[in-house]
Amino acid sequence: MKAEQLDNATPELWQSLPNAPGVYLMKASDGSVIYVGKANRLRTRVRSYFGEAGKPKLAIESRDKSTSALTSQMMRYVTEVDYIVTETEVEALILENNLIKAHQPRYNVKLKDDKRYPYLRVTTNEPFPRIHIT
């Protein structure tokens, strides 16, 4: 769904989304992926980010306590939503994890893996082996 569609979202637009498991990608105006999410039902999950008029839900305007400040901030930048339908929820979970690792979206906090593990090198050709962190 492109920006024009999101700006003029109609019930028909939401109904056109599949009611199947999958992954959705929220993109900023420059095309960068800012959030990757998994859904058991894509239509319901993607629709939950938008209010009655089809506009993004913002925490300030919403009485819905589930709209967090971080989600509200993210929705200010969303101009496009893409989705990938999967056969099963497990497939969606694996795909979500892979896409988060590949795109490193700004608003995905939990599954980002930015850890670097140190390697140890042990010298074996010396009378007293040494350990080096590389």
N, C-alpha and C. Protein backbone atom coordinates (compact mmCIF):
# COMPACT_ATOMS: atom_id res chain seq x y z
N MET A 1 0.85 -1.17 0.00
CA MET A 1 0.00 0.00 0.00
C MET A 1 0.89 1.23 0.00
N LYS A 2 0.69 2.08 -0.94
CA LYS A 2 1.47 3.30 -1.08
C LYS A 2 0.85 4.43 -0.26
N ALA A 3 1.59 5.55 -0.18
CA ALA A 3 1.16 6.71 0.61
C ALA A 3 -0.22 7.20 0.19
N GLU A 4 -0.46 7.27 -1.13
CA GLU A 4 -1.76 7.77 -1.60
C GLU A 4 -2.90 6.88 -1.09
N GLN A 5 -2.66 5.57 -1.09
CA GLN A 5 -3.69 4.65 -0.62
C GLN A 5 -3.90 4.80 0.89
N LEU A 6 -2.80 4.98 1.63
CA LEU A 6 -2.93 5.14 3.08
C LEU A 6 -3.66 6.43 3.42
N ASP A 7 -3.40 7.49 2.65
CA ASP A 7 -4.06 8.77 2.91
C ASP A 7 -5.56 8.70 2.64
N ASN A 8 -5.95 7.88 1.69
CA ASN A 8 -7.37 7.77 1.32
C ASN A 8 -7.89 6.36 1.60
N ALA A 9 -7.49 5.80 2.72
CA ALA A 9 -7.86 4.42 3.05
C ALA A 9 -9.37 4.28 3.16
N THR A 10 -9.88 3.27 2.50
CA THR A 10 -11.31 2.97 2.54
C THR A 10 -11.49 1.58 3.14
N PRO A 11 -12.70 1.25 3.56
CA PRO A 11 -12.93 -0.12 4.06
C PRO A 11 -12.55 -1.18 3.02
N GLU A 12 -12.72 -0.85 1.74
CA GLU A 12 -12.37 -1.80 0.68
C GLU A 12 -10.87 -2.07 0.67
N LEU A 13 -10.08 -1.03 0.95
CA LEU A 13 -8.62 -1.20 0.99
C LEU A 13 -8.25 -2.19 2.09
N TRP A 14 -8.83 -2.01 3.27
CA TRP A 14 -8.52 -2.92 4.37
C TRP A 14 -9.00 -4.33 4.06
N GLN A 15 -10.16 -4.44 3.41
CA GLN A 15 -10.69 -5.77 3.06
C GLN A 15 -9.83 -6.46 2.02
N SER A 16 -9.08 -5.68 1.24
CA SER A 16 -8.24 -6.29 0.20
C SER A 16 -6.99 -6.96 0.78
N LEU A 17 -6.67 -6.63 2.03
CA LEU A 17 -5.53 -7.30 2.67
C LEU A 17 -5.90 -8.74 2.99
N PRO A 18 -4.98 -9.67 2.81
CA PRO A 18 -5.31 -11.07 3.10
C PRO A 18 -5.47 -11.31 4.60
N ASN A 19 -6.38 -12.19 4.92
CA ASN A 19 -6.60 -12.56 6.32
C ASN A 19 -5.84 -13.86 6.58
N ALA A 20 -4.54 -13.80 6.34
CA ALA A 20 -3.67 -14.98 6.43
C ALA A 20 -2.41 -14.59 7.19
N PRO A 21 -1.63 -15.58 7.63
CA PRO A 21 -0.38 -15.24 8.31
C PRO A 21 0.62 -14.62 7.34
N GLY A 22 1.49 -13.79 7.90
CA GLY A 22 2.50 -13.17 7.05
C GLY A 22 3.31 -12.15 7.80
N VAL A 23 4.08 -11.40 7.03
CA VAL A 23 4.98 -10.37 7.56
C VAL A 23 4.66 -9.07 6.85
N TYR A 24 4.68 -7.97 7.60
CA TYR A 24 4.45 -6.66 6.99
C TYR A 24 5.67 -5.78 7.23
N LEU A 25 5.95 -4.92 6.25
CA LEU A 25 7.09 -4.01 6.32
C LEU A 25 6.57 -2.59 6.21
N MET A 26 6.85 -1.78 7.21
CA MET A 26 6.46 -0.38 7.17
C MET A 26 7.67 0.42 6.70
N LYS A 27 7.42 1.29 5.71
CA LYS A 27 8.52 2.02 5.09
C LYS A 27 8.33 3.52 5.24
N ALA A 28 9.46 4.23 5.27
CA ALA A 28 9.47 5.69 5.33
C ALA A 28 9.42 6.24 3.91
N SER A 29 9.35 7.56 3.78
CA SER A 29 9.24 8.19 2.47
C SER A 29 10.44 7.92 1.57
N ASP A 30 11.60 7.65 2.16
CA ASP A 30 12.79 7.36 1.35
C ASP A 30 12.87 5.89 0.94
N GLY A 31 11.86 5.10 1.31
CA GLY A 31 11.82 3.69 0.94
C GLY A 31 12.49 2.76 1.93
N SER A 32 13.11 3.32 2.96
CA SER A 32 13.79 2.47 3.94
C SER A 32 12.77 1.78 4.84
N VAL A 33 13.06 0.55 5.21
CA VAL A 33 12.19 -0.22 6.10
C VAL A 33 12.44 0.27 7.52
N ILE A 34 11.37 0.75 8.19
CA ILE A 34 11.54 1.24 9.56
C ILE A 34 10.93 0.29 10.59
N TYR A 35 10.12 -0.68 10.12
CA TYR A 35 9.55 -1.66 11.05
C TYR A 35 9.16 -2.91 10.28
N VAL A 36 9.44 -4.06 10.87
CA VAL A 36 9.01 -5.35 10.32
C VAL A 36 8.18 -6.03 11.41
N GLY A 37 7.01 -6.50 11.04
CA GLY A 37 6.15 -7.17 12.01
C GLY A 37 5.59 -8.47 11.46
N LYS A 38 5.19 -9.35 12.37
CA LYS A 38 4.58 -10.63 12.01
C LYS A 38 3.11 -10.58 12.41
N ALA A 39 2.28 -11.22 11.62
CA ALA A 39 0.85 -11.24 11.94
C ALA A 39 0.27 -12.62 11.68
N ASN A 40 -0.61 -13.04 12.57
CA ASN A 40 -1.38 -14.26 12.32
C ASN A 40 -2.45 -13.99 11.27
N ARG A 41 -2.99 -12.76 11.31
CA ARG A 41 -3.95 -12.28 10.31
C ARG A 41 -3.48 -10.90 9.87
N LEU A 42 -2.93 -10.81 8.67
CA LEU A 42 -2.36 -9.55 8.18
C LEU A 42 -3.38 -8.42 8.20
N ARG A 43 -4.59 -8.68 7.72
CA ARG A 43 -5.61 -7.63 7.64
C ARG A 43 -5.86 -6.99 9.01
N THR A 44 -6.07 -7.82 10.01
CA THR A 44 -6.38 -7.32 11.35
C THR A 44 -5.20 -6.57 11.95
N ARG A 45 -4.00 -7.13 11.79
CA ARG A 45 -2.82 -6.53 12.43
C ARG A 45 -2.45 -5.20 11.78
N VAL A 46 -2.39 -5.15 10.46
CA VAL A 46 -2.03 -3.90 9.79
C VAL A 46 -3.10 -2.85 10.06
N ARG A 47 -4.35 -3.24 10.03
CA ARG A 47 -5.46 -2.31 10.29
C ARG A 47 -5.38 -1.72 11.69
N SER A 48 -4.83 -2.47 12.65
CA SER A 48 -4.77 -2.00 14.04
C SER A 48 -3.88 -0.77 14.22
N TYR A 49 -3.03 -0.50 13.26
CA TYR A 49 -2.16 0.68 13.34
C TYR A 49 -2.87 1.96 12.91
N PHE A 50 -4.06 1.80 12.34
CA PHE A 50 -4.76 2.95 11.78
C PHE A 50 -6.10 3.15 12.47
N GLY A 51 -6.52 4.41 12.60
CA GLY A 51 -7.77 4.76 13.25
C GLY A 51 -8.96 4.54 12.34
N GLU A 52 -10.12 4.99 12.80
CA GLU A 52 -11.36 4.80 12.05
C GLU A 52 -11.31 5.45 10.68
N ALA A 53 -10.68 6.61 10.58
CA ALA A 53 -10.63 7.32 9.30
C ALA A 53 -9.51 6.81 8.40
N GLY A 54 -8.81 5.77 8.85
CA GLY A 54 -7.72 5.23 8.05
C GLY A 54 -6.40 5.94 8.28
N LYS A 55 -6.40 6.95 9.12
CA LYS A 55 -5.17 7.68 9.42
C LYS A 55 -4.39 6.94 10.50
N PRO A 56 -3.06 7.11 10.53
CA PRO A 56 -2.27 6.44 11.57
C PRO A 56 -2.74 6.84 12.96
N LYS A 57 -2.80 5.85 13.86
CA LYS A 57 -3.16 6.13 15.25
C LYS A 57 -1.99 6.81 15.93
N LEU A 58 -2.27 7.87 16.65
CA LEU A 58 -1.24 8.55 17.43
C LEU A 58 -1.66 8.49 18.88
N ALA A 59 -0.71 8.26 19.77
CA ALA A 59 -1.00 8.08 21.20
C ALA A 59 -1.74 9.28 21.78
N ILE A 60 -1.40 10.48 21.33
CA ILE A 60 -2.01 11.70 21.85
C ILE A 60 -3.50 11.73 21.53
N GLU A 61 -3.84 11.30 20.30
CA GLU A 61 -5.23 11.37 19.85
C GLU A 61 -6.04 10.15 20.25
N SER A 62 -5.37 9.09 20.64
CA SER A 62 -6.05 7.82 20.86
C SER A 62 -6.39 7.60 22.33
N ARG A 63 -7.56 7.06 22.57
CA ARG A 63 -7.92 6.65 23.93
C ARG A 63 -7.46 5.21 24.16
N ASP A 64 -7.02 4.59 23.08
CA ASP A 64 -6.56 3.21 23.13
C ASP A 64 -5.19 3.17 23.80
N LYS A 65 -5.13 2.55 24.97
CA LYS A 65 -3.89 2.50 25.76
C LYS A 65 -2.81 1.67 25.07
N SER A 66 -3.18 0.84 24.09
CA SER A 66 -2.20 -0.01 23.43
C SER A 66 -1.31 0.77 22.45
N THR A 67 -1.70 2.00 22.11
CA THR A 67 -0.88 2.80 21.21
C THR A 67 0.23 3.46 22.01
N SER A 68 1.42 2.90 21.94
CA SER A 68 2.53 3.42 22.72
C SER A 68 3.12 4.66 22.06
N ALA A 69 3.92 5.38 22.82
CA ALA A 69 4.58 6.57 22.29
C ALA A 69 5.52 6.20 21.15
N LEU A 70 6.20 5.07 21.27
CA LEU A 70 7.13 4.64 20.23
C LEU A 70 6.39 4.29 18.94
N THR A 71 5.27 3.59 19.06
CA THR A 71 4.46 3.25 17.89
C THR A 71 3.90 4.52 17.27
N SER A 72 3.45 5.43 18.10
CA SER A 72 2.92 6.70 17.62
C SER A 72 3.98 7.47 16.85
N GLN A 73 5.18 7.50 17.37
CA GLN A 73 6.29 8.19 16.70
C GLN A 73 6.57 7.52 15.35
N MET A 74 6.61 6.20 15.34
CA MET A 74 6.88 5.47 14.10
C MET A 74 5.83 5.77 13.04
N MET A 75 4.56 5.81 13.44
CA MET A 75 3.48 6.00 12.48
C MET A 75 3.52 7.37 11.80
N ARG A 76 4.20 8.31 12.40
CA ARG A 76 4.36 9.63 11.76
C ARG A 76 5.20 9.53 10.49
N TYR A 77 6.06 8.51 10.41
CA TYR A 77 6.99 8.37 9.29
C TYR A 77 6.54 7.35 8.25
N VAL A 78 5.55 6.55 8.57
CA VAL A 78 5.13 5.48 7.65
C VAL A 78 4.41 6.08 6.45
N THR A 79 4.93 5.76 5.25
CA THR A 79 4.28 6.20 4.02
C THR A 79 3.88 5.03 3.13
N GLU A 80 4.35 3.84 3.49
CA GLU A 80 4.04 2.67 2.67
C GLU A 80 4.06 1.43 3.56
N VAL A 81 3.17 0.51 3.26
CA VAL A 81 3.14 -0.78 3.96
C VAL A 81 3.14 -1.88 2.92
N ASP A 82 4.15 -2.74 2.97
CA ASP A 82 4.21 -3.92 2.10
C ASP A 82 3.96 -5.15 2.96
N TYR A 83 3.56 -6.22 2.34
CA TYR A 83 3.35 -7.44 3.10
C TYR A 83 3.74 -8.66 2.28
N ILE A 84 4.07 -9.72 2.99
CA ILE A 84 4.41 -11.00 2.38
C ILE A 84 3.55 -12.06 3.07
N VAL A 85 2.75 -12.75 2.31
CA VAL A 85 1.88 -13.80 2.86
C VAL A 85 2.71 -15.08 2.99
N THR A 86 2.53 -15.77 4.11
CA THR A 86 3.22 -17.05 4.33
C THR A 86 2.18 -18.16 4.53
N GLU A 87 2.65 -19.38 4.43
CA GLU A 87 1.75 -20.53 4.60
C GLU A 87 1.37 -20.74 6.06
N THR A 88 2.34 -20.54 6.97
CA THR A 88 2.10 -20.82 8.38
C THR A 88 2.63 -19.68 9.25
N GLU A 89 2.22 -19.68 10.50
CA GLU A 89 2.71 -18.69 11.46
C GLU A 89 4.19 -18.89 11.74
N VAL A 90 4.62 -20.14 11.75
CA VAL A 90 6.04 -20.43 12.00
C VAL A 90 6.90 -19.87 10.87
N GLU A 91 6.44 -20.04 9.64
CA GLU A 91 7.16 -19.48 8.49
C GLU A 91 7.22 -17.95 8.60
N ALA A 92 6.13 -17.34 9.04
CA ALA A 92 6.10 -15.89 9.23
C ALA A 92 7.10 -15.45 10.30
N LEU A 93 7.18 -16.20 11.37
CA LEU A 93 8.10 -15.89 12.46
C LEU A 93 9.56 -15.94 11.99
N ILE A 94 9.90 -16.97 11.23
CA ILE A 94 11.26 -17.10 10.72
C ILE A 94 11.57 -15.99 9.72
N LEU A 95 10.61 -15.70 8.84
CA LEU A 95 10.81 -14.63 7.85
C LEU A 95 10.97 -13.28 8.53
N GLU A 96 10.16 -13.02 9.55
CA GLU A 96 10.27 -11.76 10.29
C GLU A 96 11.67 -11.62 10.87
N ASN A 97 12.16 -12.66 11.51
CA ASN A 97 13.49 -12.64 12.11
C ASN A 97 14.56 -12.35 11.05
N ASN A 98 14.48 -13.02 9.90
CA ASN A 98 15.46 -12.82 8.83
C ASN A 98 15.40 -11.40 8.27
N LEU A 99 14.19 -10.87 8.09
CA LEU A 99 14.05 -9.51 7.55
C LEU A 99 14.57 -8.46 8.53
N ILE A 100 14.35 -8.67 9.82
CA ILE A 100 14.85 -7.73 10.82
C ILE A 100 16.38 -7.74 10.81
N LYS A 101 16.96 -8.91 10.72
CA LYS A 101 18.42 -9.00 10.68
C LYS A 101 18.97 -8.34 9.40
N ALA A 102 18.27 -8.49 8.29
CA ALA A 102 18.72 -7.94 7.01
C ALA A 102 18.57 -6.42 6.94
N HIS A 103 17.43 -5.90 7.42
CA HIS A 103 17.13 -4.47 7.27
C HIS A 103 17.52 -3.62 8.48
N GLN A 104 17.65 -4.24 9.66
CA GLN A 104 17.94 -3.52 10.90
C GLN A 104 17.01 -2.31 11.06
N PRO A 105 15.69 -2.51 11.05
CA PRO A 105 14.75 -1.38 11.14
C PRO A 105 14.88 -0.63 12.46
N ARG A 106 14.71 0.66 12.37
CA ARG A 106 14.89 1.54 13.53
C ARG A 106 13.95 1.20 14.68
N TYR A 107 12.72 0.84 14.38
CA TYR A 107 11.72 0.65 15.43
C TYR A 107 11.56 -0.80 15.89
N ASN A 108 12.33 -1.72 15.34
CA ASN A 108 12.35 -3.09 15.86
C ASN A 108 13.45 -3.15 16.91
N VAL A 109 13.05 -3.33 18.14
CA VAL A 109 14.02 -3.29 19.23
C VAL A 109 14.40 -4.70 19.67
N LYS A 110 13.42 -5.58 19.79
CA LYS A 110 13.65 -6.88 20.42
C LYS A 110 14.49 -7.85 19.59
N LEU A 111 14.26 -7.95 18.31
CA LEU A 111 14.95 -8.97 17.52
C LEU A 111 16.22 -8.48 16.84
N LYS A 112 16.57 -7.23 17.02
CA LYS A 112 17.82 -6.75 16.43
C LYS A 112 18.97 -7.46 17.10
N ASP A 113 19.88 -7.94 16.31
CA ASP A 113 21.04 -8.62 16.88
C ASP A 113 22.29 -7.84 16.49
N ASP A 114 22.64 -6.88 17.31
CA ASP A 114 23.81 -6.07 17.00
C ASP A 114 25.00 -6.48 17.86
N LYS A 115 24.91 -7.67 18.43
CA LYS A 115 25.99 -8.14 19.29
C LYS A 115 27.16 -8.61 18.44
N ARG A 116 28.34 -8.34 18.93
CA ARG A 116 29.56 -8.85 18.31
C ARG A 116 30.25 -9.72 19.35
N TYR A 117 30.54 -10.92 18.98
CA TYR A 117 31.18 -11.83 19.92
C TYR A 117 32.69 -11.81 19.71
N PRO A 118 33.46 -11.74 20.80
CA PRO A 118 34.92 -11.73 20.65
C PRO A 118 35.44 -13.14 20.32
N TYR A 119 36.52 -13.16 19.62
CA TYR A 119 37.20 -14.41 19.33
C TYR A 119 38.47 -14.47 20.17
N LEU A 120 38.81 -15.67 20.61
CA LEU A 120 40.03 -15.88 21.37
C LEU A 120 41.01 -16.66 20.51
N ARG A 121 42.25 -16.22 20.57
CA ARG A 121 43.31 -16.94 19.87
C ARG A 121 44.32 -17.38 20.92
N VAL A 122 44.65 -18.64 20.90
CA VAL A 122 45.63 -19.19 21.84
C VAL A 122 46.85 -19.62 21.05
N THR A 123 48.00 -19.08 21.44
CA THR A 123 49.23 -19.48 20.74
C THR A 123 49.66 -20.84 21.26
N THR A 124 50.05 -21.69 20.34
CA THR A 124 50.47 -23.04 20.73
C THR A 124 51.93 -23.31 20.39
N ASN A 125 52.56 -22.36 19.73
CA ASN A 125 53.94 -22.57 19.32
C ASN A 125 54.94 -21.89 20.26
N GLU A 126 54.52 -21.55 21.46
CA GLU A 126 55.40 -20.91 22.43
C GLU A 126 55.45 -21.77 23.69
N PRO A 127 56.55 -21.64 24.48
CA PRO A 127 56.64 -22.43 25.71
C PRO A 127 55.49 -22.13 26.68
N PHE A 128 55.08 -20.86 26.73
CA PHE A 128 53.96 -20.45 27.58
C PHE A 128 52.88 -19.87 26.66
N PRO A 129 51.86 -20.65 26.38
CA PRO A 129 50.81 -20.17 25.46
C PRO A 129 50.19 -18.86 25.96
N ARG A 130 49.88 -18.00 24.99
CA ARG A 130 49.23 -16.73 25.30
C ARG A 130 47.83 -16.72 24.72
N ILE A 131 46.97 -15.94 25.37
CA ILE A 131 45.60 -15.78 24.89
C ILE A 131 45.45 -14.35 24.37
N HIS A 132 44.93 -14.23 23.15
CA HIS A 132 44.68 -12.92 22.54
C HIS A 132 43.19 -12.80 22.23
N ILE A 133 42.65 -11.65 22.53
CA ILE A 133 41.26 -11.36 22.15
C ILE A 133 41.31 -10.64 20.82
N THR A 134 40.57 -11.14 19.82
CA THR A 134 40.59 -10.52 18.50
C THR A 134 39.25 -9.93 18.18
